[in-house]
Amino acid sequence: RLRSAADVKVLVEEVTPPASAGQRSRVFATINGAAITSGDVEDALRPTIFRVQQQAYDIRRAEIDRKINDTLLGGEATKRGVTQQALYTVEVTNKLSAVTDADARAFFDQNKDRINGEFAAVRVQLIEYLADKTKKEMEEAFAQRLRSAANIQVFLPEPVGPVTSTIP
């Protein structure tokens, strides 16, 4: 109802971020003669855009870390004259110990308030969870040992958060 009572004109079909400071004054729409500019839109979207940029950074950083670990694993395997799988088996798989019912019970007792159900009903899931957690910890420890002996430089810049101003 408000739109039908106002003179609304959309002046830009495709909204793109301003390429220069001067483009911030570009008018995207008018309402009864009052302009909505590119700067108005950009200022309102700053926190949202930063969150998206941070998510993209986190995804890229995780992929870089994975590639670093894979490269280091391959280099170490070559140095030892074994396959990557054989090295992984020696450094991770063979060092894993089986999760026992006692381990699962201890975890269950420590986390009763966060676990739905009785121990017997969740026992298998707890054992799988603890085994997976231990495996990931072993993988991370091995990767950290490989990383500590390497010269690694990452040049991916983190996004800069929005600067908010306070109005006195």
N, C-alpha and C. Protein backbone atom coordinates (compact mmCIF):
# COMPACT_ATOMS: atom_id res chain seq x y z
N ARG A 1 0.83 -1.19 0.00
CA ARG A 1 0.00 0.00 0.00
C ARG A 1 0.86 1.25 0.00
N LEU A 2 1.98 1.18 0.72
CA LEU A 2 2.86 2.35 0.76
C LEU A 2 3.45 2.65 -0.61
N ARG A 3 3.85 1.58 -1.32
CA ARG A 3 4.45 1.77 -2.65
C ARG A 3 3.45 2.38 -3.63
N SER A 4 2.20 1.96 -3.53
CA SER A 4 1.22 2.47 -4.48
C SER A 4 0.91 3.95 -4.21
N ALA A 5 1.12 4.40 -2.99
CA ALA A 5 0.87 5.80 -2.65
C ALA A 5 2.07 6.69 -2.94
N ALA A 6 3.22 6.11 -3.23
CA ALA A 6 4.44 6.88 -3.46
C ALA A 6 4.84 6.82 -4.92
N ASP A 7 5.61 7.77 -5.32
CA ASP A 7 6.18 7.79 -6.67
C ASP A 7 7.55 7.11 -6.59
N VAL A 8 7.59 5.80 -6.87
CA VAL A 8 8.83 5.02 -6.77
C VAL A 8 9.35 4.78 -8.17
N LYS A 9 10.64 5.14 -8.37
CA LYS A 9 11.29 4.90 -9.65
C LYS A 9 12.57 4.13 -9.39
N VAL A 10 12.71 2.99 -10.05
CA VAL A 10 13.95 2.22 -9.99
C VAL A 10 14.75 2.62 -11.21
N LEU A 11 15.93 3.21 -10.95
CA LEU A 11 16.71 3.77 -12.03
C LEU A 11 17.81 2.85 -12.54
N VAL A 12 18.10 1.79 -11.79
CA VAL A 12 19.19 0.89 -12.16
C VAL A 12 18.66 -0.53 -12.09
N GLU A 13 18.80 -1.28 -13.16
CA GLU A 13 18.33 -2.68 -13.19
C GLU A 13 19.34 -3.60 -12.51
N GLU A 14 20.62 -3.40 -12.78
CA GLU A 14 21.66 -4.27 -12.20
C GLU A 14 22.46 -3.47 -11.19
N VAL A 15 22.39 -3.88 -9.95
CA VAL A 15 23.08 -3.17 -8.88
C VAL A 15 24.46 -3.78 -8.70
N THR A 16 25.47 -2.96 -8.87
CA THR A 16 26.85 -3.41 -8.70
C THR A 16 27.54 -2.50 -7.69
N PRO A 17 28.54 -3.01 -7.00
CA PRO A 17 29.23 -2.16 -6.04
C PRO A 17 29.96 -1.02 -6.75
N PRO A 18 30.07 0.12 -6.09
CA PRO A 18 30.74 1.25 -6.73
C PRO A 18 32.22 0.94 -6.96
N ALA A 19 32.71 1.29 -8.15
CA ALA A 19 34.12 1.05 -8.49
C ALA A 19 34.99 2.20 -8.01
N SER A 20 34.37 3.32 -7.67
CA SER A 20 35.14 4.47 -7.19
C SER A 20 34.30 5.22 -6.16
N ALA A 21 34.96 6.14 -5.46
CA ALA A 21 34.26 6.93 -4.45
C ALA A 21 33.15 7.76 -5.10
N GLY A 22 33.39 8.23 -6.31
CA GLY A 22 32.39 9.03 -7.00
C GLY A 22 31.13 8.24 -7.33
N GLN A 23 31.27 6.96 -7.57
CA GLN A 23 30.11 6.14 -7.91
C GLN A 23 29.20 5.87 -6.71
N ARG A 24 29.68 6.17 -5.51
CA ARG A 24 28.82 6.00 -4.32
C ARG A 24 27.60 6.91 -4.39
N SER A 25 27.69 7.98 -5.15
CA SER A 25 26.56 8.91 -5.25
C SER A 25 25.58 8.51 -6.36
N ARG A 26 25.88 7.44 -7.09
CA ARG A 26 25.00 6.95 -8.16
C ARG A 26 23.63 6.64 -7.57
N VAL A 27 22.59 7.15 -8.16
CA VAL A 27 21.23 6.98 -7.65
C VAL A 27 20.67 5.67 -8.19
N PHE A 28 20.22 4.82 -7.26
CA PHE A 28 19.62 3.54 -7.65
C PHE A 28 18.09 3.64 -7.74
N ALA A 29 17.50 4.49 -6.92
CA ALA A 29 16.05 4.62 -6.91
C ALA A 29 15.69 5.96 -6.28
N THR A 30 14.48 6.42 -6.57
CA THR A 30 13.95 7.60 -5.89
C THR A 30 12.58 7.28 -5.35
N ILE A 31 12.27 7.90 -4.24
CA ILE A 31 10.96 7.75 -3.63
C ILE A 31 10.46 9.16 -3.33
N ASN A 32 9.41 9.55 -4.05
CA ASN A 32 8.89 10.90 -3.90
C ASN A 32 10.01 11.94 -3.98
N GLY A 33 10.96 11.70 -4.88
CA GLY A 33 12.06 12.63 -5.10
C GLY A 33 13.28 12.41 -4.23
N ALA A 34 13.18 11.59 -3.19
CA ALA A 34 14.33 11.31 -2.32
C ALA A 34 15.12 10.15 -2.93
N ALA A 35 16.44 10.33 -2.99
CA ALA A 35 17.29 9.36 -3.66
C ALA A 35 17.80 8.27 -2.71
N ILE A 36 17.90 7.06 -3.25
CA ILE A 36 18.61 5.96 -2.59
C ILE A 36 19.86 5.74 -3.45
N THR A 37 21.03 5.96 -2.85
CA THR A 37 22.27 5.92 -3.61
C THR A 37 23.01 4.60 -3.41
N SER A 38 23.99 4.43 -4.25
CA SER A 38 24.87 3.27 -4.13
C SER A 38 25.52 3.26 -2.74
N GLY A 39 25.92 4.41 -2.26
CA GLY A 39 26.53 4.51 -0.93
C GLY A 39 25.59 4.06 0.17
N ASP A 40 24.30 4.42 0.06
CA ASP A 40 23.31 3.99 1.05
C ASP A 40 23.22 2.47 1.11
N VAL A 41 23.19 1.85 -0.06
CA VAL A 41 23.08 0.39 -0.15
C VAL A 41 24.36 -0.26 0.39
N GLU A 42 25.52 0.23 -0.05
CA GLU A 42 26.79 -0.35 0.39
C GLU A 42 26.98 -0.25 1.89
N ASP A 43 26.63 0.90 2.47
CA ASP A 43 26.79 1.08 3.91
C ASP A 43 25.91 0.10 4.69
N ALA A 44 24.70 -0.12 4.20
CA ALA A 44 23.79 -1.04 4.88
C ALA A 44 24.26 -2.49 4.77
N LEU A 45 24.92 -2.82 3.66
CA LEU A 45 25.34 -4.20 3.41
C LEU A 45 26.72 -4.56 3.95
N ARG A 46 27.46 -3.58 4.44
CA ARG A 46 28.84 -3.83 4.87
C ARG A 46 29.00 -5.03 5.80
N PRO A 47 28.23 -5.15 6.88
CA PRO A 47 28.41 -6.33 7.77
C PRO A 47 28.09 -7.65 7.08
N THR A 48 27.06 -7.66 6.24
CA THR A 48 26.69 -8.89 5.53
C THR A 48 27.77 -9.28 4.53
N ILE A 49 28.27 -8.31 3.78
CA ILE A 49 29.32 -8.58 2.80
C ILE A 49 30.57 -9.09 3.50
N PHE A 50 30.91 -8.51 4.65
CA PHE A 50 32.08 -8.99 5.38
C PHE A 50 31.91 -10.44 5.81
N ARG A 51 30.73 -10.81 6.32
CA ARG A 51 30.49 -12.20 6.74
C ARG A 51 30.68 -13.16 5.57
N VAL A 52 30.17 -12.79 4.40
CA VAL A 52 30.31 -13.64 3.21
C VAL A 52 31.78 -13.71 2.80
N GLN A 53 32.47 -12.58 2.83
CA GLN A 53 33.90 -12.59 2.48
C GLN A 53 34.69 -13.44 3.48
N GLN A 54 34.33 -13.39 4.76
CA GLN A 54 35.01 -14.20 5.78
C GLN A 54 34.75 -15.69 5.54
N GLN A 55 33.53 -16.04 5.17
CA GLN A 55 33.22 -17.43 4.86
C GLN A 55 34.03 -17.91 3.65
N ALA A 56 34.11 -17.08 2.61
CA ALA A 56 34.90 -17.45 1.42
C ALA A 56 36.37 -17.58 1.79
N TYR A 57 36.87 -16.70 2.63
CA TYR A 57 38.26 -16.79 3.09
C TYR A 57 38.49 -18.10 3.84
N ASP A 58 37.58 -18.43 4.75
CA ASP A 58 37.72 -19.66 5.53
C ASP A 58 37.75 -20.89 4.64
N ILE A 59 36.92 -20.91 3.61
CA ILE A 59 36.88 -22.04 2.67
C ILE A 59 38.20 -22.11 1.90
N ARG A 60 38.66 -20.97 1.42
CA ARG A 60 39.93 -20.95 0.69
C ARG A 60 41.08 -21.36 1.58
N ARG A 61 41.10 -20.87 2.81
CA ARG A 61 42.19 -21.18 3.74
C ARG A 61 42.21 -22.69 4.06
N ALA A 62 41.04 -23.27 4.26
CA ALA A 62 40.96 -24.71 4.52
C ALA A 62 41.50 -25.50 3.33
N GLU A 63 41.19 -25.06 2.12
CA GLU A 63 41.68 -25.75 0.93
C GLU A 63 43.20 -25.59 0.79
N ILE A 64 43.70 -24.41 1.08
CA ILE A 64 45.16 -24.20 1.06
C ILE A 64 45.83 -25.11 2.07
N ASP A 65 45.28 -25.18 3.28
CA ASP A 65 45.86 -26.04 4.32
C ASP A 65 45.85 -27.50 3.90
N ARG A 66 44.75 -27.93 3.27
CA ARG A 66 44.66 -29.32 2.79
C ARG A 66 45.73 -29.58 1.74
N LYS A 67 45.90 -28.65 0.81
CA LYS A 67 46.91 -28.82 -0.24
C LYS A 67 48.33 -28.80 0.34
N ILE A 68 48.56 -27.96 1.33
CA ILE A 68 49.87 -27.95 2.00
C ILE A 68 50.13 -29.31 2.64
N ASN A 69 49.15 -29.81 3.37
CA ASN A 69 49.31 -31.11 4.03
C ASN A 69 49.54 -32.22 3.01
N ASP A 70 48.79 -32.21 1.91
CA ASP A 70 48.96 -33.23 0.87
C ASP A 70 50.36 -33.16 0.25
N THR A 71 50.82 -31.94 0.01
CA THR A 71 52.16 -31.75 -0.58
C THR A 71 53.23 -32.24 0.38
N LEU A 72 53.08 -31.90 1.65
CA LEU A 72 54.07 -32.34 2.64
C LEU A 72 54.05 -33.86 2.80
N LEU A 73 52.87 -34.45 2.78
CA LEU A 73 52.75 -35.91 2.87
C LEU A 73 53.44 -36.55 1.68
N GLY A 74 53.19 -36.03 0.49
CA GLY A 74 53.83 -36.57 -0.71
C GLY A 74 55.35 -36.44 -0.65
N GLY A 75 55.83 -35.31 -0.18
CA GLY A 75 57.27 -35.10 -0.07
C GLY A 75 57.91 -36.03 0.94
N GLU A 76 57.23 -36.22 2.06
CA GLU A 76 57.77 -37.12 3.10
C GLU A 76 57.76 -38.57 2.62
N ALA A 77 56.70 -38.94 1.91
CA ALA A 77 56.63 -40.31 1.37
C ALA A 77 57.77 -40.54 0.38
N THR A 78 58.02 -39.58 -0.48
CA THR A 78 59.11 -39.69 -1.45
C THR A 78 60.45 -39.80 -0.71
N LYS A 79 60.63 -38.97 0.28
CA LYS A 79 61.88 -38.98 1.05
C LYS A 79 62.12 -40.34 1.72
N ARG A 80 61.04 -40.97 2.20
CA ARG A 80 61.16 -42.27 2.85
C ARG A 80 61.12 -43.43 1.86
N GLY A 81 60.80 -43.15 0.61
CA GLY A 81 60.75 -44.19 -0.40
C GLY A 81 59.54 -45.10 -0.28
N VAL A 82 58.43 -44.53 0.18
CA VAL A 82 57.19 -45.30 0.33
C VAL A 82 56.05 -44.54 -0.34
N THR A 83 54.90 -45.20 -0.45
CA THR A 83 53.73 -44.51 -1.00
C THR A 83 53.13 -43.62 0.09
N GLN A 84 52.30 -42.69 -0.35
CA GLN A 84 51.62 -41.83 0.62
C GLN A 84 50.73 -42.67 1.53
N GLN A 85 50.05 -43.65 0.96
CA GLN A 85 49.17 -44.50 1.77
C GLN A 85 49.97 -45.27 2.81
N ALA A 86 51.13 -45.80 2.41
CA ALA A 86 51.97 -46.54 3.36
C ALA A 86 52.44 -45.63 4.48
N LEU A 87 52.83 -44.41 4.14
CA LEU A 87 53.26 -43.45 5.16
C LEU A 87 52.11 -43.12 6.10
N TYR A 88 50.93 -42.88 5.55
CA TYR A 88 49.74 -42.60 6.36
C TYR A 88 49.46 -43.77 7.30
N THR A 89 49.58 -44.97 6.80
CA THR A 89 49.33 -46.15 7.61
C THR A 89 50.31 -46.21 8.79
N VAL A 90 51.58 -45.96 8.51
CA VAL A 90 52.61 -46.02 9.56
C VAL A 90 52.42 -44.90 10.59
N GLU A 91 52.14 -43.70 10.11
CA GLU A 91 52.11 -42.54 11.00
C GLU A 91 50.75 -42.28 11.66
N VAL A 92 49.70 -42.82 11.09
CA VAL A 92 48.37 -42.55 11.66
C VAL A 92 47.64 -43.85 12.01
N THR A 93 47.34 -44.63 10.99
CA THR A 93 46.51 -45.82 11.18
C THR A 93 47.08 -46.78 12.21
N ASN A 94 48.37 -47.10 12.10
CA ASN A 94 48.98 -48.07 13.02
C ASN A 94 49.10 -47.55 14.45
N LYS A 95 49.00 -46.26 14.62
CA LYS A 95 49.12 -45.69 15.97
C LYS A 95 47.77 -45.53 16.67
N LEU A 96 46.71 -45.84 15.94
CA LEU A 96 45.38 -45.73 16.54
C LEU A 96 45.11 -46.93 17.43
N SER A 97 44.54 -46.66 18.58
CA SER A 97 44.13 -47.77 19.44
C SER A 97 42.61 -47.86 19.39
N ALA A 98 42.11 -49.05 19.54
CA ALA A 98 40.67 -49.26 19.47
C ALA A 98 39.98 -48.57 20.64
N VAL A 99 38.84 -47.99 20.35
CA VAL A 99 38.03 -47.36 21.39
C VAL A 99 37.28 -48.48 22.11
N THR A 100 37.39 -48.50 23.40
CA THR A 100 36.76 -49.56 24.20
C THR A 100 35.40 -49.11 24.72
N ASP A 101 34.65 -50.09 25.23
CA ASP A 101 33.38 -49.76 25.88
C ASP A 101 33.63 -48.84 27.07
N ALA A 102 34.75 -49.05 27.78
CA ALA A 102 35.08 -48.20 28.93
C ALA A 102 35.32 -46.77 28.50
N ASP A 103 36.00 -46.58 27.34
CA ASP A 103 36.20 -45.23 26.81
C ASP A 103 34.86 -44.57 26.49
N ALA A 104 34.00 -45.32 25.82
CA ALA A 104 32.69 -44.80 25.45
C ALA A 104 31.86 -44.49 26.69
N ARG A 105 31.92 -45.35 27.69
CA ARG A 105 31.19 -45.14 28.94
C ARG A 105 31.69 -43.89 29.65
N ALA A 106 33.00 -43.71 29.71
CA ALA A 106 33.57 -42.53 30.37
C ALA A 106 33.12 -41.25 29.65
N PHE A 107 33.14 -41.28 28.32
CA PHE A 107 32.70 -40.13 27.55
C PHE A 107 31.21 -39.88 27.80
N PHE A 108 30.43 -40.94 27.81
CA PHE A 108 29.00 -40.83 28.05
C PHE A 108 28.74 -40.20 29.42
N ASP A 109 29.44 -40.68 30.44
CA ASP A 109 29.25 -40.17 31.80
C ASP A 109 29.63 -38.69 31.91
N GLN A 110 30.65 -38.29 31.20
CA GLN A 110 31.09 -36.89 31.23
C GLN A 110 30.14 -35.96 30.46
N ASN A 111 29.38 -36.53 29.54
CA ASN A 111 28.54 -35.70 28.67
C ASN A 111 27.07 -36.07 28.71
N LYS A 112 26.62 -36.66 29.80
CA LYS A 112 25.23 -37.11 29.92
C LYS A 112 24.22 -36.01 29.60
N ASP A 113 24.52 -34.80 30.05
CA ASP A 113 23.59 -33.71 29.85
C ASP A 113 23.43 -33.31 28.38
N ARG A 114 24.35 -33.70 27.52
CA ARG A 114 24.28 -33.35 26.10
C ARG A 114 23.93 -34.54 25.22
N ILE A 115 23.79 -35.72 25.80
CA ILE A 115 23.52 -36.92 25.02
C ILE A 115 22.10 -37.40 25.33
N ASN A 116 21.34 -37.60 24.26
CA ASN A 116 19.97 -38.11 24.42
C ASN A 116 20.00 -39.63 24.35
N GLY A 117 19.41 -40.26 25.32
CA GLY A 117 19.31 -41.71 25.31
C GLY A 117 20.19 -42.36 26.35
N GLU A 118 19.98 -43.64 26.50
CA GLU A 118 20.76 -44.44 27.43
C GLU A 118 22.03 -44.91 26.75
N PHE A 119 23.01 -45.29 27.57
CA PHE A 119 24.31 -45.70 27.05
C PHE A 119 24.18 -46.84 26.03
N ALA A 120 23.38 -47.84 26.35
CA ALA A 120 23.25 -49.00 25.46
C ALA A 120 22.75 -48.58 24.07
N ALA A 121 21.90 -47.57 24.03
CA ALA A 121 21.33 -47.14 22.75
C ALA A 121 22.31 -46.32 21.91
N VAL A 122 23.24 -45.64 22.57
CA VAL A 122 24.16 -44.76 21.83
C VAL A 122 25.60 -45.28 21.83
N ARG A 123 25.84 -46.43 22.41
CA ARG A 123 27.18 -46.99 22.56
C ARG A 123 27.95 -47.06 21.23
N VAL A 124 27.33 -47.62 20.20
CA VAL A 124 28.01 -47.78 18.90
C VAL A 124 28.34 -46.41 18.30
N GLN A 125 27.40 -45.48 18.39
CA GLN A 125 27.64 -44.14 17.86
C GLN A 125 28.78 -43.45 18.61
N LEU A 126 28.83 -43.63 19.92
CA LEU A 126 29.90 -43.02 20.72
C LEU A 126 31.26 -43.61 20.34
N ILE A 127 31.31 -44.90 20.15
CA ILE A 127 32.57 -45.54 19.77
C ILE A 127 33.03 -45.02 18.42
N GLU A 128 32.11 -44.91 17.46
CA GLU A 128 32.46 -44.38 16.14
C GLU A 128 32.92 -42.92 16.23
N TYR A 129 32.21 -42.14 17.04
CA TYR A 129 32.57 -40.73 17.22
C TYR A 129 33.97 -40.61 17.82
N LEU A 130 34.23 -41.36 18.87
CA LEU A 130 35.53 -41.28 19.53
C LEU A 130 36.65 -41.79 18.64
N ALA A 131 36.39 -42.82 17.85
CA ALA A 131 37.40 -43.33 16.92
C ALA A 131 37.71 -42.29 15.86
N ASP A 132 36.68 -41.65 15.33
CA ASP A 132 36.87 -40.62 14.31
C ASP A 132 37.62 -39.42 14.89
N LYS A 133 37.26 -39.04 16.10
CA LYS A 133 37.92 -37.92 16.77
C LYS A 133 39.40 -38.22 16.99
N THR A 134 39.70 -39.40 17.44
CA THR A 134 41.09 -39.78 17.68
C THR A 134 41.87 -39.81 16.37
N LYS A 135 41.25 -40.33 15.31
CA LYS A 135 41.91 -40.38 14.00
C LYS A 135 42.23 -38.96 13.52
N LYS A 136 41.29 -38.05 13.65
CA LYS A 136 41.51 -36.67 13.22
C LYS A 136 42.62 -36.02 14.04
N GLU A 137 42.66 -36.29 15.33
CA GLU A 137 43.72 -35.75 16.18
C GLU A 137 45.09 -36.29 15.76
N MET A 138 45.15 -37.58 15.41
CA MET A 138 46.41 -38.17 14.95
C MET A 138 46.84 -37.56 13.61
N GLU A 139 45.87 -37.37 12.71
CA GLU A 139 46.18 -36.75 11.42
C GLU A 139 46.71 -35.33 11.62
N GLU A 140 46.05 -34.57 12.50
CA GLU A 140 46.48 -33.20 12.76
C GLU A 140 47.87 -33.17 13.39
N ALA A 141 48.14 -34.08 14.30
CA ALA A 141 49.46 -34.13 14.95
C ALA A 141 50.54 -34.47 13.92
N PHE A 142 50.28 -35.42 13.04
CA PHE A 142 51.24 -35.78 12.00
C PHE A 142 51.45 -34.61 11.05
N ALA A 143 50.37 -33.97 10.63
CA ALA A 143 50.49 -32.81 9.74
C ALA A 143 51.29 -31.70 10.42
N GLN A 144 51.08 -31.51 11.70
CA GLN A 144 51.81 -30.48 12.43
C GLN A 144 53.30 -30.80 12.49
N ARG A 145 53.64 -32.08 12.67
CA ARG A 145 55.06 -32.47 12.66
C ARG A 145 55.69 -32.18 11.29
N LEU A 146 54.97 -32.50 10.21
CA LEU A 146 55.47 -32.22 8.87
C LEU A 146 55.59 -30.70 8.65
N ARG A 147 54.61 -29.95 9.10
CA ARG A 147 54.61 -28.50 8.93
C ARG A 147 55.76 -27.84 9.71
N SER A 148 56.07 -28.38 10.88
CA SER A 148 57.11 -27.75 11.71
C SER A 148 58.49 -27.84 11.05
N ALA A 149 58.66 -28.81 10.17
CA ALA A 149 59.95 -28.97 9.48
C ALA A 149 59.96 -28.28 8.12
N ALA A 150 58.88 -27.60 7.78
CA ALA A 150 58.78 -26.96 6.46
C ALA A 150 58.73 -25.44 6.60
N ASN A 151 59.12 -24.79 5.53
CA ASN A 151 59.00 -23.33 5.46
C ASN A 151 57.74 -23.03 4.67
N ILE A 152 56.69 -22.65 5.36
CA ILE A 152 55.39 -22.44 4.73
C ILE A 152 55.03 -20.95 4.82
N GLN A 153 54.66 -20.39 3.69
CA GLN A 153 54.19 -19.02 3.65
C GLN A 153 52.84 -19.01 2.94
N VAL A 154 51.86 -18.42 3.56
CA VAL A 154 50.53 -18.30 2.97
C VAL A 154 50.28 -16.83 2.69
N PHE A 155 49.93 -16.52 1.45
CA PHE A 155 49.76 -15.13 1.02
C PHE A 155 48.31 -14.73 0.82
N LEU A 156 47.39 -15.54 1.30
CA LEU A 156 45.96 -15.23 1.16
C LEU A 156 45.59 -14.16 2.19
N PRO A 157 45.19 -12.98 1.74
CA PRO A 157 44.86 -11.93 2.71
C PRO A 157 43.49 -12.16 3.35
N GLU A 158 43.43 -11.89 4.64
CA GLU A 158 42.14 -11.97 5.33
C GLU A 158 41.30 -10.76 4.97
N PRO A 159 39.99 -10.93 4.90
CA PRO A 159 39.15 -9.77 4.62
C PRO A 159 39.21 -8.79 5.79
N VAL A 160 39.07 -7.53 5.47
CA VAL A 160 39.09 -6.49 6.49
C VAL A 160 37.66 -6.21 6.90
N GLY A 161 37.43 -6.24 8.20
CA GLY A 161 36.10 -6.02 8.72
C GLY A 161 35.61 -4.59 8.49
N PRO A 162 34.31 -4.41 8.50
CA PRO A 162 33.77 -3.08 8.29
C PRO A 162 34.08 -2.16 9.46
N VAL A 163 34.33 -0.92 9.15
CA VAL A 163 34.56 0.08 10.19
C VAL A 163 33.22 0.75 10.46
N THR A 164 32.84 0.71 11.69
CA THR A 164 31.59 1.35 12.04
C THR A 164 31.88 2.64 12.78
N SER A 165 31.13 3.63 12.49
CA SER A 165 31.33 4.90 13.16
C SER A 165 30.25 5.09 14.20
N THR A 166 30.62 5.74 15.25
CA THR A 166 29.64 6.03 16.29
C THR A 166 29.24 7.48 16.17
N ILE A 167 27.99 7.72 16.26
CA ILE A 167 27.48 9.07 16.16
C ILE A 167 27.40 9.65 17.57
N PRO A 168 28.05 10.81 17.77
CA PRO A 168 28.05 11.39 19.12
C PRO A 168 26.69 11.82 19.58
